[in-house]
């Protein structure tokens, strides 16, 4: 098969990855910007650099993505991958426009599943259950509980400290926790795009089906586009995460970022493609609950949860429609 259809899929993949970057920039920096630990541009630059570096540490997640569907050979397989990327991109842009921190990861997985069903391809439902659905449920629970416990520990350890110096110290600490969060985001999200590109390479005959390793050039492209998208920033979602759920102070920001980063690292070590958005949002809610249940704006949290629920079917439907349109042409 010629290179140009594969090149088109790669372009679509990089377009999705760019939207992933600015859509999910809030995950790493919203709390640091909200607490004034970092200026917006410095925070975005830090997040972009750490996304770029972290992208080269998440190969197990790419392998998990490869196991979700059996992509047919030839034009059908390429149309399937194209549909997945376009469907996920459409969902990213829609939720960004609404300022809702939905999951780019689950948009891509939903798009892949929707396009596969439209193409009549095999979906490995056992892999979806074990490697996607269960981590999707468990990771927010860990973020919620972890955020509550870490913040409780901070409150106890610093209960006799002067508020001013303590806040300044945690502003410095947030530089580290924000960097750790961005590194975890890079580990998770660049490799997901790379995994689907590998499926397109296999479908087109440009990579051996027995070898699903991610080529370095694919990972490097995804890493660069994720980094550029992150630096572009997604201010609508940054406002939602930074101020919409709770009013965050520096100790709370550090607790939320440290918790979310820990959840991301644990998931990446097991190859589970979880949502960085789920991790940080649930951690923020857990941190806020240490004040009182009323401190959390649960109406905002419900809107975010509603977007999460709609992500799989929304992105899947968009991907299925795109696949159908492409299939008619080719």
Protein backbone atom coordinates (compact mmCIF):
# COMPACT_ATOMS: atom_id res chain seq x y z
CA UNK A 1 0.00 0.00 0.00
CA UNK A 2 1.14 3.55 -0.75
CA UNK A 3 2.44 5.75 2.05
CA UNK A 4 0.00 8.64 1.55
CA UNK A 5 -3.04 7.01 3.25
CA UNK A 6 -0.85 6.12 6.24
CA UNK A 7 0.58 9.64 6.25
CA UNK A 8 -2.97 11.03 6.38
CA UNK A 9 -3.77 8.88 9.42
CA UNK A 10 -0.55 10.08 11.08
CA UNK A 11 -1.56 13.70 10.43
CA UNK A 12 -4.97 13.04 12.01
CA UNK A 13 -3.22 11.36 14.94
CA UNK A 14 -1.00 14.38 15.51
CA UNK A 15 -3.99 16.72 15.25
CA UNK A 16 -5.72 14.73 17.98
CA UNK A 17 -2.57 14.77 20.09
CA UNK A 18 -2.32 18.54 19.80
CA UNK A 19 -5.91 18.92 21.04
CA UNK A 20 -5.09 16.43 23.77
CA UNK A 21 -2.27 18.72 24.88
CA UNK A 22 -4.24 21.96 25.17
CA UNK A 23 -7.35 20.13 26.42
CA UNK A 24 -5.40 18.45 29.24
CA UNK A 25 -2.93 21.25 30.03
CA UNK A 26 -5.19 22.07 32.97
CA UNK A 27 -4.46 18.69 34.52
CA UNK A 28 -0.89 19.64 35.30
CA UNK A 29 -1.03 23.37 35.95
CA UNK A 30 -4.52 24.48 36.99
CA UNK A 31 -3.87 24.23 40.72
CA UNK A 32 -0.40 25.82 40.48
CA UNK A 33 -1.76 28.77 38.52
CA UNK A 34 -4.78 29.13 40.81
CA UNK A 35 -2.58 29.32 43.93
CA UNK A 36 -0.11 31.66 42.17
CA UNK A 37 2.68 29.17 42.75
CA UNK A 38 3.58 29.63 39.07
CA UNK A 39 2.73 32.24 36.48
CA UNK A 40 0.57 30.89 33.64
CA UNK A 41 3.30 30.94 30.97
CA UNK A 42 5.97 29.44 33.23
CA UNK A 43 3.50 26.76 34.30
CA UNK A 44 2.68 25.94 30.67
CA UNK A 45 6.34 25.82 29.71
CA UNK A 46 7.11 23.49 32.63
CA UNK A 47 4.17 21.27 31.71
CA UNK A 48 5.17 21.19 28.03
CA UNK A 49 8.76 20.17 28.81
CA UNK A 50 7.73 17.48 31.30
CA UNK A 51 5.10 16.15 28.89
CA UNK A 52 7.80 15.81 26.25
CA UNK A 53 10.15 13.93 28.60
CA UNK A 54 7.43 11.76 30.13
CA UNK A 55 6.22 10.60 26.73
CA UNK A 56 9.21 8.30 26.39
CA UNK A 57 8.38 6.40 29.59
CA UNK A 58 4.93 4.95 28.86
CA UNK A 59 5.39 2.07 26.42
CA UNK A 60 3.25 -0.40 28.38
CA UNK A 61 0.19 1.82 27.87
CA UNK A 62 0.71 1.74 24.08
CA UNK A 63 0.76 -2.07 24.20
CA UNK A 64 -2.55 -2.06 26.10
CA UNK A 65 -4.15 0.15 23.45
CA UNK A 66 -2.95 -2.27 20.75
CA UNK A 67 -4.81 -5.12 22.45
CA UNK A 68 -8.26 -3.49 22.49
CA UNK A 69 -9.27 -4.16 18.86
CA UNK A 70 -8.17 -6.36 15.98
CA UNK A 71 -7.74 -3.91 13.11
CA UNK A 72 -8.50 -5.31 9.63
CA UNK A 73 -5.86 -5.12 6.91
CA UNK A 74 -5.90 -2.57 4.13
CA UNK A 75 -8.14 0.45 3.61
CA UNK A 76 -10.71 -0.75 6.16
CA UNK A 77 -8.14 -0.73 8.94
CA UNK A 78 -6.86 2.71 7.98
CA UNK A 79 -10.41 4.09 7.82
CA UNK A 80 -11.02 2.63 11.28
CA UNK A 81 -7.96 4.38 12.74
CA UNK A 82 -8.84 7.63 10.98
CA UNK A 83 -12.36 7.48 12.39
CA UNK A 84 -11.02 6.91 15.89
CA UNK A 85 -8.77 9.98 15.74
CA UNK A 86 -11.36 12.29 14.18
CA UNK A 87 -14.09 11.17 16.60
CA UNK A 88 -11.82 11.74 19.59
CA UNK A 89 -10.72 15.13 18.26
CA UNK A 90 -14.33 16.24 17.80
CA UNK A 91 -15.12 15.25 21.38
CA UNK A 92 -12.04 17.06 22.69
CA UNK A 93 -13.01 20.27 20.91
CA UNK A 94 -16.63 20.05 22.05
CA UNK A 95 -15.76 19.56 25.73
CA UNK A 96 -13.01 22.21 25.54
CA UNK A 97 -15.54 24.69 24.14
CA UNK A 98 -17.85 23.90 27.07
CA UNK A 99 -14.96 24.13 29.56
CA UNK A 100 -15.50 20.55 30.74
CA UNK A 101 -12.40 18.53 31.76
CA UNK A 102 -13.34 15.27 30.06
CA UNK A 103 -10.87 12.51 29.25
CA UNK A 104 -8.93 12.66 25.99
CA UNK A 105 -7.76 9.12 26.71
CA UNK A 106 -11.26 7.74 26.97
CA UNK A 107 -12.31 9.78 23.94
CA UNK A 108 -9.62 7.99 21.90
CA UNK A 109 -10.54 4.57 23.31
CA UNK A 110 -14.24 5.28 22.73
CA UNK A 111 -13.48 6.44 19.21
CA UNK A 112 -11.46 3.31 18.53
CA UNK A 113 -14.29 1.12 19.80
CA UNK A 114 -16.99 3.00 17.89
CA UNK A 115 -15.08 2.86 14.62
CA UNK A 116 -14.31 -0.84 15.18
CA UNK A 117 -17.99 -1.66 15.71
CA UNK A 118 -18.94 0.30 12.59
CA UNK A 119 -16.28 -1.59 10.61
CA UNK A 120 -17.35 -4.98 11.94
CA UNK A 121 -13.90 -5.45 13.46
CA UNK A 122 -13.25 -7.59 16.53
CA UNK A 123 -13.32 -5.77 19.87
CA UNK A 124 -11.61 -7.65 22.69
CA UNK A 125 -14.21 -6.97 25.36
CA UNK A 126 -12.26 -8.81 28.02
CA UNK A 127 -9.32 -6.46 27.50
CA UNK A 128 -11.66 -3.47 27.55
CA UNK A 129 -13.13 -4.63 30.85
CA UNK A 130 -9.86 -5.49 32.57
CA UNK A 131 -7.56 -2.80 31.18
CA UNK A 132 -9.92 0.13 30.61
CA UNK A 133 -13.23 -0.14 32.49
CA UNK A 134 -11.88 -1.34 35.85
CA UNK A 135 -9.01 1.21 35.98
CA UNK A 136 -11.49 3.90 34.88
CA UNK A 137 -13.59 3.19 37.97
CA UNK A 138 -10.75 2.55 40.40
CA UNK A 139 -8.51 5.53 39.56
CA UNK A 140 -10.99 8.29 40.57
CA UNK A 141 -11.71 6.43 43.82
CA UNK A 142 -7.98 6.29 44.53
CA UNK A 143 -7.65 9.98 43.67
CA UNK A 144 -10.55 10.91 45.95
CA UNK A 145 -9.32 8.83 48.89
CA UNK A 146 -5.67 9.70 48.32
CA UNK A 147 -6.34 13.43 48.12
CA UNK A 148 -8.31 13.30 51.36
CA UNK A 149 -5.63 11.31 53.19
CA UNK A 150 -2.67 13.36 51.94
CA UNK A 151 -4.39 16.63 52.82
CA UNK A 152 -5.37 15.27 56.24
CA UNK A 153 -1.73 14.36 56.88
CA UNK A 154 -0.57 17.85 55.81
CA UNK A 155 -3.10 19.52 58.09
CA UNK A 156 -1.90 17.43 61.04
CA UNK A 157 1.82 17.83 60.35
CA UNK A 158 1.60 21.60 59.90
CA UNK A 159 -1.12 22.29 62.47
CA UNK A 160 1.20 24.49 64.59
CA UNK A 161 2.98 26.20 61.68
CA UNK A 162 2.47 29.84 60.78
CA UNK A 163 0.09 30.11 57.81
CA UNK A 164 2.21 32.59 55.80
CA UNK A 165 5.53 30.69 55.72
CA UNK A 166 3.67 27.39 55.27
CA UNK A 167 1.82 28.71 52.21
CA UNK A 168 5.08 30.02 50.71
CA UNK A 169 6.78 26.67 51.25
CA UNK A 170 3.99 24.79 49.54
CA UNK A 171 4.08 27.21 46.60
CA UNK A 172 7.68 26.14 46.03
CA UNK A 173 6.71 22.49 46.51
CA UNK A 174 4.01 22.87 43.86
CA UNK A 175 6.70 23.40 41.24
CA UNK A 176 7.82 19.83 41.90
CA UNK A 177 4.32 18.36 42.14
CA UNK A 178 3.16 20.13 38.95
CA UNK A 179 6.23 18.81 37.11
CA UNK A 180 5.50 15.30 38.39
CA UNK A 181 1.89 15.59 37.24
CA UNK A 182 2.94 16.75 33.76
CA UNK A 183 5.48 13.94 33.49
CA UNK A 184 2.73 11.43 34.32
CA UNK A 185 0.45 12.99 31.72
CA UNK A 186 3.16 12.59 29.09
CA UNK A 187 3.68 8.95 30.07
CA UNK A 188 0.00 8.20 29.64
CA UNK A 189 -1.21 10.23 26.70
CA UNK A 190 1.54 10.26 24.07
CA UNK A 191 1.75 6.49 24.10
CA UNK A 192 -2.00 6.10 23.50
CA UNK A 193 -1.77 7.99 20.23
CA UNK A 194 1.36 6.03 19.32
CA UNK A 195 -0.44 2.74 19.98
CA UNK A 196 -3.21 3.52 17.47
CA UNK A 197 -0.68 4.73 14.87
CA UNK A 198 1.03 1.35 15.18
CA UNK A 199 -2.30 -0.33 14.39
CA UNK A 200 -2.51 1.81 11.23
CA UNK A 201 1.03 0.84 10.23
CA UNK A 202 0.16 -2.84 10.68
CA UNK A 203 -3.10 -2.50 8.73
CA UNK A 204 -1.26 -0.87 5.82
CA UNK A 205 1.46 -3.52 5.76
CA UNK A 206 4.22 -1.14 6.82
CA UNK A 207 4.84 -2.98 10.10
CA UNK A 208 4.92 -6.67 10.92
CA UNK A 209 1.75 -7.76 12.82
CA UNK A 210 3.96 -9.90 15.05
CA UNK A 211 5.87 -6.79 16.14
CA UNK A 212 3.67 -4.16 17.78
CA UNK A 213 6.57 -2.17 19.21
CA UNK A 214 6.20 1.60 18.80
CA UNK A 215 8.75 3.05 16.35
CA UNK A 216 10.80 5.86 17.84
CA UNK A 217 9.70 8.34 15.17
CA UNK A 218 6.02 7.75 16.03
CA UNK A 219 6.60 8.30 19.73
CA UNK A 220 8.78 11.36 19.10
CA UNK A 221 6.11 12.95 16.88
CA UNK A 222 3.40 12.28 19.48
CA UNK A 223 5.61 13.66 22.25
CA UNK A 224 6.34 16.88 20.36
CA UNK A 225 2.70 17.49 19.39
CA UNK A 226 1.49 16.80 22.94
CA UNK A 227 4.09 19.24 24.24
CA UNK A 228 3.15 21.95 21.71
CA UNK A 229 -0.54 21.52 22.48
CA UNK A 230 0.15 21.78 26.19
CA UNK A 231 2.07 25.02 25.75
CA UNK A 232 -0.86 26.44 23.78
CA UNK A 233 -2.94 26.03 26.94
CA UNK A 234 -6.62 25.32 27.46
CA UNK A 235 -7.78 28.23 29.61
CA UNK A 236 -11.46 27.34 29.73
CA UNK A 237 -10.70 24.02 31.44
CA UNK A 238 -7.94 25.52 33.58
CA UNK A 239 -10.52 27.85 35.10
CA UNK A 240 -12.88 24.95 35.81
CA UNK A 241 -10.25 22.83 37.54
CA UNK A 242 -8.43 25.68 39.25
CA UNK A 243 -11.45 27.44 40.73
CA UNK A 244 -14.61 25.61 39.76
CA UNK A 245 -14.52 22.65 42.16
CA UNK A 246 -13.00 24.26 45.26
CA UNK A 247 -11.05 27.39 46.12
CA UNK A 248 -7.51 25.97 46.29
CA UNK A 249 -4.69 27.14 48.53
CA UNK A 250 -1.02 26.03 48.09
CA UNK A 251 -1.09 23.05 50.52
CA UNK A 252 -4.25 21.78 48.83
CA UNK A 253 -2.75 22.26 45.39
CA UNK A 254 0.34 20.29 46.35
CA UNK A 255 -1.74 17.49 47.89
CA UNK A 256 -3.94 17.19 44.80
CA UNK A 257 -1.04 17.18 42.34
CA UNK A 258 1.06 14.74 44.37
CA UNK A 259 -1.89 12.36 44.70
CA UNK A 260 -2.82 12.49 41.02
CA UNK A 261 0.80 11.99 39.93
CA UNK A 262 1.09 8.92 42.17
CA UNK A 263 -2.07 7.43 40.66
CA UNK A 264 -0.73 8.06 37.13
CA UNK A 265 2.63 6.44 37.86
CA UNK A 266 1.01 3.36 39.38
CA UNK A 267 -1.34 2.98 36.41
CA UNK A 268 1.45 3.42 33.86
CA UNK A 269 3.54 0.77 35.63
CA UNK A 270 0.69 -1.72 35.10
CA UNK A 271 -0.07 -0.55 31.54
CA UNK A 272 -3.54 0.76 32.45
CA UNK A 273 -4.64 3.67 30.18
CA UNK A 274 -6.34 5.84 32.79
CA UNK A 275 -7.49 9.42 32.50
CA UNK A 276 -5.24 12.15 33.88
CA UNK A 277 -8.38 14.28 34.09
CA UNK A 278 -10.10 11.74 36.32
CA UNK A 279 -7.03 11.50 38.54
CA UNK A 280 -6.58 15.24 39.18
CA UNK A 281 -10.28 16.11 39.39
CA UNK A 282 -11.02 13.41 41.95
CA UNK A 283 -7.89 14.35 43.91
CA UNK A 284 -9.02 17.99 44.05
CA UNK A 285 -12.45 16.90 45.31
CA UNK A 286 -10.83 14.67 47.95
CA UNK A 287 -8.59 17.50 49.12
CA UNK A 288 -11.54 19.89 49.32
CA UNK A 289 -13.58 17.43 51.36
CA UNK A 290 -11.09 17.78 54.26
CA UNK A 291 -12.63 21.20 54.94
CA UNK A 292 -16.19 19.96 54.73
CA UNK A 293 -18.45 18.35 52.20
CA UNK A 294 -19.93 21.80 51.52
CA UNK A 295 -16.52 23.15 50.50
CA UNK A 296 -16.71 21.12 47.27
CA UNK A 297 -18.92 22.55 44.55
CA UNK A 298 -20.67 19.28 43.83
CA UNK A 299 -22.80 20.80 41.06
CA UNK A 300 -19.60 21.45 39.08
CA UNK A 301 -18.36 17.95 39.94
CA UNK A 302 -21.65 16.49 38.68
CA UNK A 303 -21.30 18.35 35.37
CA UNK A 304 -17.78 16.96 34.99
CA UNK A 305 -18.98 13.44 35.86
CA UNK A 306 -21.75 13.78 33.27
CA UNK A 307 -19.16 14.63 30.62
CA UNK A 308 -17.13 11.58 31.68
CA UNK A 309 -20.15 9.31 31.25
CA UNK A 310 -20.87 10.69 27.78
CA UNK A 311 -17.26 10.46 26.56
CA UNK A 312 -17.25 6.83 25.41
CA UNK A 313 -20.58 6.89 23.52
CA UNK A 314 -20.07 10.47 22.26
CA UNK A 315 -16.61 9.89 20.81
CA UNK A 316 -17.62 6.40 19.66
CA UNK A 317 -20.62 7.70 17.72
CA UNK A 318 -18.59 10.46 16.09
CA UNK A 319 -15.90 7.94 15.12
CA UNK A 320 -18.46 5.52 13.69
CA UNK A 321 -19.96 8.28 11.52
CA UNK A 322 -16.53 9.32 10.27
CA UNK A 323 -15.63 5.72 9.51
CA UNK A 324 -18.85 5.34 7.53
CA UNK A 325 -18.12 8.46 5.51
CA UNK A 326 -14.53 7.41 4.79
CA UNK A 327 -15.60 3.87 3.89
CA UNK A 328 -17.99 5.25 1.28
CA UNK A 329 -15.16 7.17 -0.36
CA UNK A 330 -12.57 4.40 -0.35
